[in-house]
Protein backbone atom coordinates (compact mmCIF):
# COMPACT_ATOMS: atom_id res chain seq x y z
CA UNK A 1 157.86 -68.79 -247.90
CA UNK A 2 157.91 -72.54 -247.38
CA UNK A 3 154.97 -74.70 -246.29
CA UNK A 4 156.78 -75.61 -243.05
CA UNK A 5 157.23 -71.97 -242.12
CA UNK A 6 153.61 -71.19 -242.97
CA UNK A 7 152.45 -74.12 -240.83
CA UNK A 8 154.57 -72.93 -237.90
CA UNK A 9 153.33 -69.33 -238.25
CA UNK A 10 149.71 -70.46 -238.26
CA UNK A 11 150.24 -72.63 -235.18
CA UNK A 12 152.08 -69.83 -233.39
CA UNK A 13 149.20 -67.44 -234.03
CA UNK A 14 146.67 -69.99 -232.79
CA UNK A 15 148.58 -70.83 -229.60
CA UNK A 16 150.06 -67.41 -228.81
CA UNK A 17 147.52 -66.40 -226.14
CA UNK A 18 148.16 -69.56 -224.13
CA UNK A 19 151.97 -69.31 -224.14
CA UNK A 20 153.86 -68.46 -220.91
CA UNK A 21 155.31 -64.90 -220.79
CA UNK A 22 158.88 -65.94 -221.69
CA UNK A 23 157.71 -67.95 -224.68
CA UNK A 24 155.58 -65.00 -225.78
CA UNK A 25 158.73 -62.86 -225.75
CA UNK A 26 160.34 -65.36 -228.10
CA UNK A 27 157.23 -65.55 -230.24
CA UNK A 28 157.23 -61.76 -230.70
CA UNK A 29 160.89 -61.76 -231.65
CA UNK A 30 160.88 -64.63 -234.14
CA UNK A 31 157.71 -63.31 -235.79
CA UNK A 32 159.29 -59.90 -236.40
CA UNK A 33 162.82 -61.06 -237.23
CA UNK A 34 162.40 -64.14 -239.37
CA UNK A 35 165.38 -63.27 -241.60
CA UNK A 36 167.70 -62.92 -238.60
CA UNK A 37 166.56 -66.13 -236.89
CA UNK A 38 167.89 -67.99 -239.92
CA UNK A 39 171.43 -66.90 -238.90
CA UNK A 40 171.29 -66.39 -235.13
CA UNK A 41 172.73 -68.93 -232.71
CA UNK A 42 170.74 -70.06 -229.68
CA UNK A 43 172.70 -67.60 -227.54
CA UNK A 44 172.12 -64.69 -229.91
CA UNK A 45 168.39 -65.32 -230.12
CA UNK A 46 168.20 -65.69 -226.34
CA UNK A 47 170.07 -62.41 -225.88
CA UNK A 48 167.77 -60.45 -228.20
CA UNK A 49 164.68 -61.93 -226.54
CA UNK A 50 166.11 -61.40 -223.04
CA UNK A 51 165.62 -65.06 -222.09
CA UNK A 52 167.88 -67.99 -221.26
CA UNK A 53 169.17 -70.28 -224.07
CA UNK A 54 167.30 -73.15 -222.42
CA UNK A 55 164.07 -71.20 -222.99
CA UNK A 56 164.82 -71.07 -226.72
CA UNK A 57 165.22 -74.85 -226.77
CA UNK A 58 161.98 -75.25 -224.79
CA UNK A 59 160.20 -72.95 -227.26
CA UNK A 60 161.44 -75.08 -230.17
CA UNK A 61 160.22 -78.29 -228.57
CA UNK A 62 156.89 -76.72 -227.64
CA UNK A 63 156.17 -76.47 -231.35
CA UNK A 64 157.23 -80.03 -232.12
CA UNK A 65 160.83 -79.49 -233.18
CA UNK A 66 163.59 -81.78 -231.92
CA UNK A 67 165.75 -78.83 -230.95
CA UNK A 68 166.91 -75.40 -232.04
CA UNK A 69 168.69 -76.62 -235.19
CA UNK A 70 165.52 -78.31 -236.40
CA UNK A 71 163.51 -75.17 -235.59
CA UNK A 72 166.01 -72.85 -237.30
CA UNK A 73 165.91 -74.97 -240.45
CA UNK A 74 162.45 -73.72 -241.39
CA UNK A 75 163.69 -70.12 -241.22
CA UNK A 76 166.65 -70.98 -243.44
CA UNK A 77 164.33 -72.66 -245.93
CA UNK A 78 162.15 -69.56 -245.92
CA UNK A 79 165.14 -67.29 -246.47
CA UNK A 80 166.43 -69.39 -249.37
CA UNK A 81 163.03 -69.03 -250.97
CA UNK A 82 163.16 -65.25 -250.59
CA UNK A 83 166.82 -64.79 -251.48
CA UNK A 84 166.33 -63.60 -255.02
CA UNK A 85 167.68 -60.64 -256.91
CA UNK A 86 165.42 -57.76 -257.86
CA UNK A 87 165.21 -59.00 -261.47
CA UNK A 88 164.02 -62.35 -260.12
CA UNK A 89 161.48 -60.61 -257.91
CA UNK A 90 160.20 -58.74 -260.93
CA UNK A 91 159.86 -62.03 -262.75
CA UNK A 92 157.70 -63.43 -259.94
CA UNK A 93 155.26 -60.57 -260.39
CA UNK A 94 154.29 -61.86 -263.83
CA UNK A 95 151.24 -64.10 -264.08
CA UNK A 96 149.77 -65.93 -267.11
CA UNK A 97 146.94 -63.39 -267.36
CA UNK A 98 149.39 -60.46 -267.26
CA UNK A 99 149.27 -59.35 -270.87
CA UNK A 100 148.33 -55.72 -271.33
CA UNK A 101 147.44 -54.98 -267.72
CA UNK A 102 150.60 -55.79 -265.77
CA UNK A 103 151.19 -52.18 -264.73
CA UNK A 104 147.73 -51.82 -263.17
CA UNK A 105 148.16 -55.15 -261.39
CA UNK A 106 151.41 -53.87 -259.93
CA UNK A 107 149.71 -50.65 -258.87
CA UNK A 108 146.96 -52.64 -257.15
CA UNK A 109 149.48 -54.79 -255.28
CA UNK A 110 151.61 -51.88 -254.10
CA UNK A 111 148.50 -49.91 -253.19
CA UNK A 112 147.25 -52.75 -250.99
CA UNK A 113 150.64 -53.00 -249.26
CA UNK A 114 150.65 -49.26 -248.62
CA UNK A 115 147.10 -49.29 -247.25
CA UNK A 116 147.94 -52.23 -244.98
CA UNK A 117 150.99 -50.35 -243.66
CA UNK A 118 148.95 -47.22 -242.98
CA UNK A 119 146.18 -49.13 -241.20
CA UNK A 120 148.74 -50.78 -238.91
CA UNK A 121 150.35 -47.40 -238.23
CA UNK A 122 147.01 -45.91 -237.17
CA UNK A 123 146.29 -48.91 -234.96
CA UNK A 124 149.71 -49.18 -233.30
CA UNK A 125 150.58 -45.51 -232.67
CA UNK A 126 150.29 -44.48 -229.03
CA UNK A 127 149.17 -40.79 -228.93
CA UNK A 128 150.96 -40.08 -225.64
CA UNK A 129 154.20 -41.60 -226.89
CA UNK A 130 153.87 -39.68 -230.15
CA UNK A 131 153.55 -36.43 -228.19
CA UNK A 132 156.61 -37.30 -226.09
CA UNK A 133 158.58 -37.97 -229.26
CA UNK A 134 157.57 -34.59 -230.69
CA UNK A 135 158.54 -32.83 -227.44
CA UNK A 136 161.96 -34.49 -227.38
CA UNK A 137 162.76 -33.68 -231.00
CA UNK A 138 161.35 -30.16 -230.85
CA UNK A 139 163.45 -29.29 -227.81
CA UNK A 140 166.70 -30.40 -229.41
CA UNK A 141 169.16 -27.69 -230.44
CA UNK A 142 169.80 -29.70 -233.62
CA UNK A 143 168.01 -32.83 -234.86
CA UNK A 144 170.41 -35.52 -236.10
CA UNK A 145 168.75 -37.82 -238.63
CA UNK A 146 169.93 -41.36 -239.31
CA UNK A 147 168.35 -43.73 -241.82
CA UNK A 148 170.31 -45.96 -244.19
CA UNK A 149 169.51 -48.36 -247.03
CA UNK A 150 165.77 -48.32 -247.75
CA UNK A 151 165.24 -45.88 -244.87
CA UNK A 152 167.49 -43.28 -246.48
CA UNK A 153 164.78 -41.70 -248.70
CA UNK A 154 162.58 -41.33 -245.61
CA UNK A 155 165.41 -39.69 -243.65
CA UNK A 156 166.12 -37.30 -246.53
CA UNK A 157 162.46 -36.34 -246.82
CA UNK A 158 162.34 -35.62 -243.09
CA UNK A 159 165.38 -33.36 -243.54
CA UNK A 160 163.66 -31.63 -246.47
CA UNK A 161 160.57 -30.91 -244.36
CA UNK A 162 162.67 -29.54 -241.49
CA UNK A 163 164.62 -27.35 -243.90
CA UNK A 164 161.39 -25.84 -245.25
CA UNK A 165 160.56 -24.83 -241.67
CA UNK A 166 164.09 -23.58 -240.88
CA UNK A 167 164.54 -26.17 -238.12
CA UNK A 168 168.26 -26.94 -237.45
CA UNK A 169 169.12 -30.51 -238.44
CA UNK A 170 171.89 -32.74 -239.75
CA UNK A 171 171.58 -35.86 -241.90
CA UNK A 172 174.07 -38.57 -240.99
CA UNK A 173 174.66 -40.13 -244.41
CA UNK A 174 177.08 -42.55 -246.02
CA UNK A 175 178.27 -40.52 -249.00
CA UNK A 176 181.12 -38.72 -247.27
CA UNK A 177 182.39 -41.63 -245.20
CA UNK A 178 182.63 -39.22 -242.25
CA UNK A 179 179.69 -40.41 -240.16
CA UNK A 180 181.72 -40.67 -236.94
CA UNK A 181 183.08 -37.14 -237.47
CA UNK A 182 179.55 -35.84 -237.99
CA UNK A 183 178.59 -37.23 -234.59
CA UNK A 184 181.31 -35.20 -232.86
CA UNK A 185 178.97 -32.20 -232.84
CA UNK A 186 176.12 -34.15 -231.23
CA UNK A 187 175.48 -33.32 -227.57
CA UNK A 188 172.80 -33.99 -224.93
CA UNK A 189 171.32 -30.60 -225.92
CA UNK A 190 170.46 -32.05 -229.33
CA UNK A 191 168.05 -34.80 -230.36
CA UNK A 192 168.15 -37.61 -232.93
CA UNK A 193 165.69 -39.51 -235.07
CA UNK A 194 166.73 -43.06 -235.99
CA UNK A 195 164.88 -44.97 -238.74
CA UNK A 196 165.68 -48.67 -238.96
CA UNK A 197 163.75 -51.88 -239.67
CA UNK A 198 164.57 -55.58 -239.88
CA UNK A 199 166.97 -56.64 -241.07
CA UNK A 200 168.70 -53.71 -239.36
CA UNK A 201 171.65 -52.08 -241.15
CA UNK A 202 174.74 -52.81 -239.01
CA UNK A 203 176.05 -49.29 -239.62
CA UNK A 204 172.80 -47.81 -238.34
CA UNK A 205 173.05 -49.87 -235.14
CA UNK A 206 176.70 -48.82 -234.70
CA UNK A 207 175.96 -45.10 -235.12
CA UNK A 208 172.88 -45.37 -232.90
CA UNK A 209 175.08 -46.77 -230.13
CA UNK A 210 177.54 -43.90 -230.54
CA UNK A 211 174.71 -41.37 -230.20
CA UNK A 212 173.58 -43.14 -227.03
CA UNK A 213 177.13 -43.00 -225.68
CA UNK A 214 177.16 -39.25 -226.25
CA UNK A 215 173.94 -38.87 -224.28
CA UNK A 216 171.89 -37.61 -227.22
CA UNK A 217 168.10 -37.95 -226.65
CA UNK A 218 166.82 -40.36 -229.30
CA UNK A 219 163.49 -41.16 -230.91
CA UNK A 220 163.47 -44.34 -233.01
CA UNK A 221 161.12 -45.43 -235.76
CA UNK A 222 161.40 -49.21 -235.82
CA UNK A 223 159.26 -52.31 -236.17
CA UNK A 224 159.26 -54.13 -232.83
CA UNK A 225 160.25 -53.84 -229.19
CA UNK A 226 163.24 -56.16 -229.65
CA UNK A 227 164.84 -53.88 -232.26
CA UNK A 228 168.52 -53.07 -231.62
CA UNK A 229 167.80 -49.35 -231.98
CA UNK A 230 165.40 -48.96 -229.05
CA UNK A 231 166.85 -46.02 -227.05
CA UNK A 232 167.39 -46.04 -223.30
CA UNK A 233 164.74 -43.35 -223.04
CA UNK A 234 162.26 -45.90 -224.34
CA UNK A 235 160.82 -43.47 -226.86
CA UNK A 236 160.21 -45.40 -230.05
CA UNK A 237 157.32 -45.40 -232.49
CA UNK A 238 156.28 -48.66 -234.08
CA UNK A 239 156.20 -48.57 -237.86
CA UNK A 240 155.58 -51.85 -239.68
CA UNK A 241 155.68 -51.85 -243.47
CA UNK A 242 153.88 -54.46 -245.57
CA UNK A 243 155.49 -55.75 -248.75
CA UNK A 244 154.33 -56.89 -252.15
CA UNK A 245 156.38 -59.72 -253.67
CA UNK A 246 159.46 -58.71 -251.69
CA UNK A 247 159.21 -54.97 -252.38
CA UNK A 248 158.52 -53.31 -249.03
CA UNK A 249 156.43 -50.17 -248.73
CA UNK A 250 157.67 -46.94 -247.14
CA UNK A 251 154.16 -45.50 -246.92
CA UNK A 252 153.79 -45.65 -243.13
CA UNK A 253 157.30 -44.29 -242.60
CA UNK A 254 156.63 -41.27 -244.81
CA UNK A 255 153.33 -40.51 -243.07
CA UNK A 256 155.01 -40.77 -239.67
CA UNK A 257 157.87 -38.41 -240.51
CA UNK A 258 155.42 -35.94 -242.10
CA UNK A 259 153.50 -36.04 -238.83
CA UNK A 260 156.62 -35.52 -236.73
CA UNK A 261 158.01 -32.70 -238.86
CA UNK A 262 154.71 -30.79 -238.92
CA UNK A 263 154.14 -31.30 -235.19
CA UNK A 264 157.70 -30.12 -234.42
CA UNK A 265 157.12 -27.02 -236.54
CA UNK A 266 153.83 -26.27 -234.75
CA UNK A 267 155.48 -26.82 -231.36
CA UNK A 268 158.29 -24.41 -232.07
CA UNK A 269 155.97 -21.72 -233.44
CA UNK A 270 153.86 -21.98 -230.29
CA UNK A 271 156.79 -21.57 -227.88
């Protein structure tokens, strides 16, 4: 992360409360989608934030940038700084004092990231919305589960938990290359759980849209209200994962799907 991006982030945090509503919408979006802002045009950013392109330019100038290009440059600098391979990330974890204790230092770092994620989950989860999500999923004839890339292990664990409770479900995976065919069985009598975080897998977004087109009730686990997988029903649970040197935790996601699976099981046993 570059100094310019850090300076902007600090200023944004300090001035956030005093921003007009439209600029707050932009602030929320750029804070949660820093990787994407590095590539988005003015029009794309405006579309995702549900504002006019002129508002994006005004936002840029509010923070001392000459225009959108100048503003976007700090996000591109940040991304170049993060764009490293996993071996390079591993290299950055090493410090001069890391001699015989590197493993425990790694454990400490990943533990802190996981604890941060779990604390945010506890703080951000709306109990009423969580209950609505459970009701929707529990009343589905079959629960379709979609989570790709780093969300795939979470999706598979959710499927494992449902299988242990004999709850009908289907994982929409990438191994068979028949994701669209799998969706042909999905109906409004079913339900779906979508798991997707920035930067959102394009295939996840595409399949999510197909489920919406088929009228399938959807619950999404995602990181902010501008996510492209927010369903029309509005039922989404905020899950924000902290990272340690570029390796992002799945701790909050696992706790959330354990909660959902157990609550669905309890619901069905009680009805």
